[in-house]
Each structure stands twice: as C-alpha cells, then as structure tokens.
Amino acid sequence: MKGLPVLLLLASMGSALHLCAQGRIVRNDSLSQPLTTYAPLLGGVNTSYIVSPMGGSQTLQQAIVDESSPVYKVMKTKHPLLIKGGARYQGLFLSGSGSDPIGVSNFQSVSATFSATYMLSRNTNITALGVAGVASDFRKDVDASDIIYSAGIRWGFRQATHFKFGVTLLYSHAYSGNVLIPLPDIDWTISKKWELEGFLPFRTSLKYKLNKTETLALTQGFYTTAYRLNDPSGIGKYLELQQISTGLMYEHTFNRRWSTHLIAGYAVSSKLRTFDNNQTVGFDNFGALNKRVAEVSYNQGAFLGQVGVSFKF
C-alpha cells in the first residue's frame, strides 16, 4: 500500500487509460497468414453509472460517457495506421451530509482525447495518446490553471495469438502535481473459457465465458479522480476521490454493436478529501505526497454498483 499515494497524482489520466485500450488496430491474429488488417466498428460510445453509499446518509454517484471515432486510417498496408479522436464526460454527485463541509455537491469533467496507433511489424505496435480537459465545480470562470492533461507512448507486443502485453510511459499534469510513470498491461487468453485482462494497477479482470454472449468476471480496480474547487480565499482547493474495489462483473453482448455490463462489488477503501493548491508535488519531492493534510476527509469502505452500456459504430 505504500506505493498508492504516488498513484493519486494520476487524477487526469481517466481518458488516457481508456485510450490505451481503444487505440489498438483490430487485425488478423494468425501468425501463419500474410499481414492483413480489417477495421470493423472502430468507433464507439461507452456509458456507465456508478453508485456507492459511504455510510450514514452520504452517497456518491458518478456518470461517465466516453466517445471515440476514427479520424484517419490506412489499414490495407504493411504498416497500418489508425488515428482516433474523442471526448469524455464525467460527473460526480454527492448527496447527504458528506457534501456539507465541502460546500458543493456537483462536479463535472469534460475532456478531449486523441490516439494514434502504428503497426511496426506483425507483432509490435506503438501508440501515441493524449487527453486534455477541465474538472471543476464550475462555480467560477475557467482559466489556464484549471486545465489538466496527460500524454504518453504505449509499446504493444504479441508473443502469440493468445498472449499480448504492453507498457505505457505516461506523463500526467494533475491538480495534485506531476508524474512520469510506466504502466504495464496484459491480454492473455488462457483457454477457450478463461481470459485475463489487466491494465496495472488500475484494472484487472479474470473472465470466464459462459457462452457466446455472456461472460462472468472477477474484477479489481484502483480508481482516482480530482476536481478543482472554487475558493473565495484565493489559495484554491481541489477535491480528490480514491477508491480501491473488488467485485463480480456480468457482461452480455446482444450483437456486434450493443453490449452491457453489471458490477456488484465492495470498495475496501473509499477516500474523499479536499486539499489546498499549495499541497502539490513534483518529480523531486514525491515523499511530500504522504505529508499532505486534508481539510475535509472521509475514509470508509462501501458497497458499490455499476451498470454500463456500450455501442460500437
């Protein structure tokens, strides 16, 4: 758990992490056939609603919408190229007594996303990705200091048709500071029924395929996000939410375009805290992150539920 405070700096990475998964080129995985690529349904919209009671009368609700579309593609070539652009909306809504000390209960985040994937060879690809946006209570005018952004490079490798992995080197400028960190990912088809997916340390899922349309999964997640707060004192503040959760996920694919998922789980750690803008860190003082003093702090385990719908185009 000692490494977790460093990860709190990654509050602006939500969209960038989605880009790592969305920036892949779908292609023929046969190692014995010539390199051919195809791009069915490269765009999509993903929506999620999350609710988590934190004890007493306090409840967290989140709404998330991700959209991604291809803007340029060269597929039938030795080195395919796919460029995608998109947008992401995220809302955090507090209800109950928990929002009283913070002074506001609604927070919004809007960002633009970008990814470009280039196939270096049959088994190697490289993806450039970026995201920039604003996360705030929007009780004041937005200025340059409110903009957060992330940029990174992912190298992807395929050892076999059933095993792929990669690593992303990501720079993130968030309200709590700046970080440069490597993030590994894995996609391992263990058998016809079992599959392991992970984007460490944020998401890991062990999936079991019930049939062609239904899948069950044990999932673990580390989630963090932050929002700028309006502060009349002039110092400035930010709200930080961090959750570490585990649960059971059910996925149902209706057809090649529509799918849905349900998650029932428990957040073993659910922290909601506010800090002033002076409590930030940089590359030379990571240790100071452990010394931040929260003005408002809630830390409690909580049950959570999530429902989502995805549409590909």
Protein backbone atom coordinates (compact mmCIF):
# COMPACT_ATOMS: atom_id res chain seq x y z
CA MET A 1 0.00 0.00 0.00
CA LYS A 2 2.99 2.35 0.36
CA GLY A 3 3.06 2.96 -3.38
CA LEU A 4 -0.56 4.05 -3.62
CA PRO A 5 -0.05 7.73 -2.67
CA VAL A 6 2.10 8.26 -5.76
CA LEU A 7 -0.76 6.97 -7.90
CA LEU A 8 -3.05 9.69 -6.58
CA LEU A 9 -1.23 12.08 -8.90
CA LEU A 10 -2.89 10.33 -11.83
CA ALA A 11 -6.22 12.12 -11.44
CA SER A 12 -6.14 13.42 -15.01
CA MET A 13 -5.49 10.01 -16.54
CA GLY A 14 -9.01 8.58 -16.81
CA SER A 15 -9.40 9.30 -20.52
CA ALA A 16 -5.80 8.43 -21.28
CA LEU A 17 -6.24 4.98 -19.77
CA HIS A 18 -9.25 4.35 -21.99
CA LEU A 19 -7.18 5.40 -24.99
CA CYS A 20 -4.64 2.68 -24.26
CA ALA A 21 -7.36 0.07 -24.75
CA GLN A 22 -9.13 1.83 -27.62
CA GLY A 23 -6.01 2.64 -29.63
CA ARG A 24 -5.39 -0.88 -30.90
CA ILE A 25 -5.83 -1.88 -34.50
CA VAL A 26 -8.08 -4.92 -34.93
CA ARG A 27 -6.41 -7.32 -37.31
CA ASN A 28 -5.89 -10.93 -38.36
CA ASP A 29 -4.12 -12.68 -35.47
CA SER A 30 -2.96 -15.69 -37.47
CA LEU A 31 0.84 -15.96 -37.36
CA SER A 32 0.90 -18.16 -40.44
CA GLN A 33 -1.03 -15.88 -42.79
CA PRO A 34 0.10 -12.69 -44.53
CA LEU A 35 -0.37 -9.48 -42.57
CA THR A 36 -3.88 -8.27 -43.29
CA THR A 37 -5.94 -5.85 -41.26
CA TYR A 38 -9.58 -5.07 -41.02
CA ALA A 39 -11.44 -2.41 -39.07
CA PRO A 40 -14.99 -3.35 -38.21
CA LEU A 41 -16.63 -0.85 -35.89
CA LEU A 42 -13.63 1.25 -34.91
CA GLY A 43 -15.73 3.86 -33.10
CA GLY A 44 -17.91 3.60 -30.06
CA VAL A 45 -19.74 5.16 -27.14
CA ASN A 46 -19.42 3.77 -23.60
CA THR A 47 -21.69 4.89 -20.76
CA SER A 48 -21.52 3.99 -17.07
CA TYR A 49 -23.42 4.86 -13.92
CA ILE A 50 -21.86 4.12 -10.52
CA VAL A 51 -23.43 4.46 -7.08
CA SER A 52 -21.66 3.93 -3.77
CA PRO A 53 -23.15 4.65 -0.31
CA MET A 54 -20.34 5.60 2.08
CA GLY A 55 -22.20 5.06 5.32
CA GLY A 56 -24.72 7.17 7.17
CA SER A 57 -26.60 9.41 4.76
CA GLN A 58 -23.69 10.07 2.38
CA THR A 59 -23.85 8.66 -1.16
CA LEU A 60 -21.51 9.01 -4.16
CA GLN A 61 -22.92 8.85 -7.68
CA GLN A 62 -20.93 9.05 -10.91
CA ALA A 63 -21.98 9.27 -14.55
CA ILE A 64 -19.41 8.66 -17.30
CA VAL A 65 -19.72 8.93 -21.08
CA ASP A 66 -16.83 8.11 -23.46
CA GLU A 67 -16.93 8.60 -27.23
CA SER A 68 -14.22 7.64 -29.70
CA SER A 69 -14.22 7.87 -33.51
CA PRO A 70 -11.65 7.15 -36.24
CA VAL A 71 -10.50 10.35 -37.96
CA TYR A 72 -7.85 8.82 -40.24
CA LYS A 73 -6.96 5.26 -41.15
CA VAL A 74 -4.70 3.37 -43.54
CA MET A 75 -5.46 -0.29 -42.99
CA LYS A 76 -4.59 -2.40 -46.04
CA THR A 77 -0.85 -1.88 -45.92
CA LYS A 78 2.25 -3.42 -44.39
CA HIS A 79 2.21 -0.83 -41.62
CA PRO A 80 -1.40 0.09 -40.75
CA LEU A 81 -2.12 3.43 -39.12
CA LEU A 82 -5.20 4.39 -37.12
CA ILE A 83 -5.85 7.85 -35.64
CA LYS A 84 -8.80 8.39 -33.34
CA GLY A 85 -10.31 11.36 -31.58
CA GLY A 86 -12.94 11.51 -28.90
CA ALA A 87 -14.49 13.17 -25.89
CA ARG A 88 -15.18 12.20 -22.30
CA TYR A 89 -17.68 13.49 -19.74
CA GLN A 90 -17.62 12.57 -16.09
CA GLY A 91 -19.91 13.81 -13.32
CA LEU A 92 -19.54 13.31 -9.57
CA PHE A 93 -22.61 13.91 -7.41
CA LEU A 94 -22.64 13.90 -3.60
CA SER A 95 -25.78 13.58 -1.55
CA GLY A 96 -26.32 13.58 2.19
CA SER A 97 -24.33 15.16 4.97
CA GLY A 98 -20.99 14.43 3.29
CA SER A 99 -21.32 17.36 0.90
CA ASP A 100 -21.98 19.96 3.64
CA PRO A 101 -18.36 20.54 4.77
CA ILE A 102 -17.19 20.64 1.13
CA GLY A 103 -19.76 23.31 0.26
CA VAL A 104 -20.79 21.92 -3.12
CA SER A 105 -22.29 18.62 -4.26
CA ASN A 106 -21.93 18.57 -8.08
CA PHE A 107 -18.68 18.29 -10.04
CA GLN A 108 -18.17 17.98 -13.79
CA SER A 109 -15.26 16.94 -16.00
CA VAL A 110 -15.01 17.46 -19.78
CA SER A 111 -12.00 16.40 -21.85
CA ALA A 112 -10.84 15.75 -25.41
CA THR A 113 -8.92 12.57 -26.27
CA PHE A 114 -6.53 11.51 -29.02
CA SER A 115 -4.70 8.34 -30.02
CA ALA A 116 -2.60 7.22 -32.99
CA THR A 117 -1.59 3.57 -33.43
CA TYR A 118 1.09 2.47 -35.91
CA MET A 119 1.94 -1.17 -36.66
CA LEU A 120 5.72 -1.53 -36.75
CA SER A 121 5.50 -5.24 -37.55
CA ARG A 122 3.16 -8.19 -37.24
CA ASN A 123 3.86 -8.44 -33.53
CA THR A 124 4.76 -4.90 -32.49
CA ASN A 125 2.85 -1.63 -32.45
CA ILE A 126 3.28 1.82 -30.96
CA THR A 127 0.54 4.19 -29.81
CA ALA A 128 0.75 7.90 -29.01
CA LEU A 129 -2.05 9.13 -26.78
CA GLY A 130 -3.15 12.31 -25.10
CA VAL A 131 -6.00 13.88 -23.18
CA ALA A 132 -6.70 17.43 -22.02
CA GLY A 133 -9.63 18.92 -20.19
CA VAL A 134 -11.09 20.59 -17.13
CA ALA A 135 -12.57 19.05 -13.96
CA SER A 136 -14.27 21.53 -11.65
CA ASP A 137 -17.33 22.56 -9.68
CA PHE A 138 -17.63 25.35 -12.31
CA ARG A 139 -18.60 27.97 -9.76
CA LYS A 140 -16.04 30.31 -11.27
CA ASP A 141 -14.67 31.11 -14.72
CA VAL A 142 -12.23 28.54 -16.08
CA ASP A 143 -8.66 29.75 -16.71
CA ALA A 144 -5.40 28.16 -17.85
CA SER A 145 -4.55 26.90 -14.34
CA ASP A 146 -7.66 24.67 -14.40
CA ILE A 147 -6.52 22.65 -17.43
CA ILE A 148 -5.17 19.17 -16.74
CA TYR A 149 -3.56 16.90 -19.33
CA SER A 150 -1.76 13.63 -19.91
CA ALA A 151 0.42 12.39 -22.76
CA GLY A 152 2.05 9.03 -23.29
CA ILE A 153 3.55 6.39 -25.54
CA ARG A 154 2.50 2.74 -25.46
CA TRP A 155 4.55 -0.11 -26.90
CA GLY A 156 2.50 -3.22 -27.64
CA PHE A 157 3.84 -6.72 -28.22
CA ARG A 158 2.27 -10.03 -29.25
CA GLN A 159 4.13 -13.15 -28.16
CA ALA A 160 1.45 -15.49 -29.55
CA THR A 161 -2.12 -15.35 -30.79
CA HIS A 162 -3.32 -15.86 -27.22
CA PHE A 163 -0.90 -13.58 -25.35
CA LYS A 164 -0.35 -9.83 -25.75
CA PHE A 165 1.23 -7.30 -23.46
CA GLY A 166 2.39 -3.72 -23.48
CA VAL A 167 3.79 -0.87 -21.42
CA THR A 168 2.77 2.79 -21.44
CA LEU A 169 5.10 5.59 -20.38
CA LEU A 170 2.74 8.32 -19.26
CA TYR A 171 3.28 11.91 -18.15
CA SER A 172 0.39 13.43 -16.22
CA HIS A 173 -0.19 17.01 -15.08
CA ALA A 174 -2.91 16.91 -12.42
CA TYR A 175 -4.17 19.20 -9.67
CA SER A 176 -2.04 17.36 -7.11
CA GLY A 177 1.17 17.57 -9.15
CA ASN A 178 3.10 15.96 -11.99
CA VAL A 179 4.21 12.38 -12.55
CA LEU A 180 6.00 10.25 -15.14
CA ILE A 181 5.26 6.55 -14.68
CA PRO A 182 5.33 3.24 -16.62
CA LEU A 183 2.04 1.30 -16.74
CA PRO A 184 2.01 -2.36 -17.91
CA ASP A 185 -0.96 -4.12 -19.49
CA ILE A 186 -1.73 -7.72 -20.41
CA ASP A 187 -4.28 -9.62 -22.51
CA TRP A 188 -3.97 -13.39 -22.03
CA THR A 189 -6.43 -15.91 -23.45
CA ILE A 190 -5.74 -18.80 -21.09
CA SER A 191 -8.21 -21.19 -22.73
CA LYS A 192 -11.46 -21.15 -24.68
CA LYS A 193 -13.27 -20.23 -21.47
CA TRP A 194 -10.77 -18.24 -19.42
CA GLU A 195 -9.15 -14.87 -20.12
CA LEU A 196 -7.03 -12.49 -18.04
CA GLU A 197 -7.03 -8.76 -18.78
CA GLY A 198 -5.15 -6.12 -16.86
CA PHE A 199 -4.03 -2.52 -17.01
CA LEU A 200 -1.96 -2.29 -13.85
CA PRO A 201 -2.55 -1.02 -11.26
CA PHE A 202 -5.93 0.38 -12.31
CA ARG A 203 -7.87 -2.62 -13.57
CA THR A 204 -7.53 -6.43 -13.52
CA SER A 205 -10.23 -8.88 -14.65
CA LEU A 206 -10.27 -12.67 -14.71
CA LYS A 207 -13.07 -13.60 -17.14
CA TYR A 208 -14.99 -16.83 -17.65
CA LYS A 209 -17.01 -17.18 -20.85
CA LEU A 210 -20.36 -18.78 -20.12
CA ASN A 211 -21.38 -18.87 -23.78
CA LYS A 212 -21.08 -16.79 -26.94
CA THR A 213 -22.92 -13.82 -25.45
CA GLU A 214 -22.37 -13.98 -21.67
CA THR A 215 -19.27 -13.57 -19.51
CA LEU A 216 -18.61 -13.53 -15.76
CA ALA A 217 -15.52 -11.90 -14.28
CA LEU A 218 -13.76 -11.26 -11.02
CA THR A 219 -12.54 -7.69 -11.22
CA GLN A 220 -10.26 -5.47 -9.17
CA GLY A 221 -9.83 -1.75 -9.65
CA PHE A 222 -7.94 1.28 -8.42
CA TYR A 223 -9.77 4.50 -9.25
CA THR A 224 -8.79 8.11 -8.64
CA THR A 225 -10.12 11.44 -9.86
CA ALA A 226 -9.91 15.08 -8.79
CA TYR A 227 -11.86 18.31 -9.30
CA ARG A 228 -10.92 21.95 -8.84
CA LEU A 229 -12.93 23.75 -6.14
CA ASN A 230 -13.90 27.40 -6.13
CA ASP A 231 -12.16 29.00 -3.15
CA PRO A 232 -13.02 32.60 -2.23
CA SER A 233 -9.83 32.84 -0.12
CA GLY A 234 -7.75 32.93 -3.31
CA ILE A 235 -5.50 30.00 -2.35
CA GLY A 236 -7.52 27.47 -4.33
CA LYS A 237 -8.56 23.92 -3.44
CA TYR A 238 -9.15 20.57 -5.11
CA LEU A 239 -11.34 17.57 -4.25
CA GLU A 240 -9.83 14.10 -4.55
CA LEU A 241 -11.70 10.77 -4.72
CA GLN A 242 -9.81 7.48 -4.45
CA GLN A 243 -11.35 4.01 -4.38
CA ILE A 244 -9.85 0.52 -4.29
CA SER A 245 -12.53 -2.04 -5.11
CA THR A 246 -13.18 -5.65 -5.95
CA GLY A 247 -16.32 -7.27 -7.32
CA LEU A 248 -18.17 -9.57 -9.69
CA MET A 249 -18.93 -8.41 -13.24
CA TYR A 250 -21.51 -9.75 -15.69
CA GLU A 251 -21.23 -8.89 -19.40
CA HIS A 252 -23.84 -9.54 -22.08
CA THR A 253 -23.27 -8.99 -25.78
CA PHE A 254 -26.52 -8.54 -27.70
CA ASN A 255 -24.93 -8.24 -31.17
CA ARG A 256 -21.82 -6.83 -32.81
CA ARG A 257 -22.85 -3.29 -31.82
CA TRP A 258 -24.59 -3.44 -28.45
CA SER A 259 -23.39 -4.79 -25.11
CA THR A 260 -23.96 -4.15 -21.41
CA HIS A 261 -22.28 -4.89 -18.11
CA LEU A 262 -23.23 -5.02 -14.44
CA ILE A 263 -20.84 -4.88 -11.47
CA ALA A 264 -21.59 -5.58 -7.82
CA GLY A 265 -18.64 -5.04 -5.51
CA TYR A 266 -17.11 -3.53 -2.44
CA ALA A 267 -14.70 -0.62 -2.14
CA VAL A 268 -12.26 -1.75 0.54
CA SER A 269 -11.01 1.83 0.64
CA SER A 270 -13.07 4.87 -0.34
CA LYS A 271 -11.43 8.24 0.38
CA LEU A 272 -12.97 11.63 -0.30
CA ARG A 273 -10.69 14.52 0.65
CA THR A 274 -10.05 18.18 -0.07
CA PHE A 275 -6.65 19.91 -0.20
CA ASP A 276 -5.50 23.45 -0.90
CA ASN A 277 -3.48 24.10 -4.04
CA ASN A 278 -0.26 24.57 -2.10
CA GLN A 279 -0.24 20.85 -1.32
CA THR A 280 1.17 19.56 -4.60
CA VAL A 281 4.28 17.58 -5.51
CA GLY A 282 6.73 17.36 -8.39
CA PHE A 283 9.36 14.98 -9.69
CA ASP A 284 11.81 15.90 -6.92
CA ASN A 285 9.55 15.56 -3.86
CA PHE A 286 7.26 12.53 -4.20
CA GLY A 287 7.59 11.95 -0.46
CA ALA A 288 5.68 15.15 0.23
CA LEU A 289 2.52 13.47 -1.05
CA ASN A 290 2.31 11.46 2.18
CA LYS A 291 2.55 14.68 4.20
CA ARG A 292 -0.46 16.42 2.70
CA VAL A 293 -3.03 17.47 5.28
CA ALA A 294 -6.66 17.20 4.17
CA GLU A 295 -9.06 19.97 5.17
CA VAL A 296 -12.06 17.63 4.80
CA SER A 297 -11.59 13.87 4.88
CA TYR A 298 -13.83 10.79 4.65
CA ASN A 299 -12.37 7.28 4.58
CA GLN A 300 -14.71 4.32 4.72
CA GLY A 301 -15.32 1.05 2.92
CA ALA A 302 -18.51 0.93 0.89
CA PHE A 303 -20.57 -1.30 -1.35
CA LEU A 304 -20.82 -0.17 -4.95
CA GLY A 305 -22.88 -0.95 -8.01
CA GLN A 306 -22.23 -0.16 -11.64
CA VAL A 307 -24.21 -0.51 -14.85
CA GLY A 308 -22.93 0.29 -18.31
CA VAL A 309 -23.99 0.19 -21.96
CA SER A 310 -21.66 0.19 -24.98
CA PHE A 311 -22.41 0.88 -28.62
CA LYS A 312 -19.91 0.36 -31.46
CA PHE A 313 -20.02 2.02 -34.87
